[in-house]
Protein backbone atom coordinates (compact mmCIF):
# COMPACT_ATOMS: atom_id res chain seq x y z
CA MET A 1 12.95 130.29 125.83
CA SER A 2 13.84 129.86 122.16
CA ASN A 3 13.61 126.59 120.26
CA GLU A 4 17.40 126.20 120.45
CA GLU A 5 17.30 126.16 124.25
CA GLU A 6 14.46 123.66 124.62
CA PRO A 7 15.66 120.17 125.44
CA LYS A 8 14.90 117.55 122.81
CA LEU A 9 12.70 114.93 124.46
CA TYR A 10 13.21 112.20 121.86
CA ALA A 11 16.01 110.80 119.76
CA ASP A 12 16.37 108.57 116.72
CA PHE A 13 18.61 105.52 116.89
CA ASP A 14 21.87 105.93 115.01
CA PRO A 15 24.32 103.03 115.46
CA VAL A 16 27.38 105.24 114.89
CA LYS A 17 26.24 107.84 117.43
CA MET A 18 25.23 105.11 119.89
CA GLU A 19 28.64 103.44 119.54
CA ARG A 20 30.34 106.74 120.46
CA PHE A 21 27.95 107.20 123.40
CA VAL A 22 28.62 103.68 124.68
CA LYS A 23 32.37 104.41 124.69
CA ARG A 24 31.72 107.36 127.05
CA ASP A 25 29.27 105.63 129.42
CA ALA A 26 30.37 102.72 131.60
CA LEU A 27 26.86 101.38 132.29
CA LEU A 28 25.86 101.36 128.63
CA ARG A 29 29.20 99.79 127.71
CA PHE A 30 28.59 97.01 130.24
CA VAL A 31 25.04 96.40 128.99
CA VAL A 32 26.04 96.28 125.32
CA GLU A 33 28.99 93.96 126.00
CA ASP A 34 26.72 91.67 128.05
CA PHE A 35 24.22 91.42 125.18
CA VAL A 36 27.05 90.68 122.74
CA LYS A 37 28.44 87.96 125.04
CA LYS A 38 24.96 86.40 125.06
CA GLY A 39 25.05 86.20 121.27
CA LEU A 40 23.20 89.33 120.13
CA PRO A 41 24.72 91.03 117.07
CA ARG A 42 26.42 94.28 118.13
CA VAL A 43 24.10 96.59 116.17
CA GLU A 44 21.08 94.88 117.70
CA ALA A 45 22.66 95.12 121.17
CA LEU A 46 23.19 98.85 120.60
CA GLU A 47 19.57 99.34 119.54
CA VAL A 48 18.12 97.33 122.43
CA THR A 49 20.28 99.32 124.86
CA PHE A 50 19.23 102.59 123.21
CA ASN A 51 15.55 101.66 123.49
CA GLY A 52 15.87 100.52 127.10
CA TYR A 53 18.21 103.11 128.57
CA VAL A 54 18.24 106.24 126.40
CA LEU A 55 14.72 106.82 125.06
CA GLU A 56 12.95 107.23 128.40
CA ASP A 57 15.61 109.36 130.07
CA SER A 58 15.91 113.04 129.14
CA GLY A 59 19.41 113.24 130.64
CA MET A 60 20.57 110.28 128.56
CA ILE A 61 18.99 111.80 125.45
CA ARG A 62 20.94 115.04 126.04
CA GLU A 63 24.19 113.10 126.39
CA TYR A 64 23.40 110.94 123.34
CA GLU A 65 22.65 113.99 121.22
CA LYS A 66 26.09 115.43 122.05
CA GLY A 67 27.32 112.36 120.14
């Protein structure tokens, strides 16, 4: 297996990429909107959601990296 085929097991937070990912994923969209309704700034809501839902899930990382 070459390096290009190996799945990336980590990702760096990028608010623009995360915003695009949230638009494609109903669960993440719900979570971010809930945080925003509770008064969290949107960028912070995106980062908290990224840390809680994307970082520990290789499938989510793959989808996020398609960004």
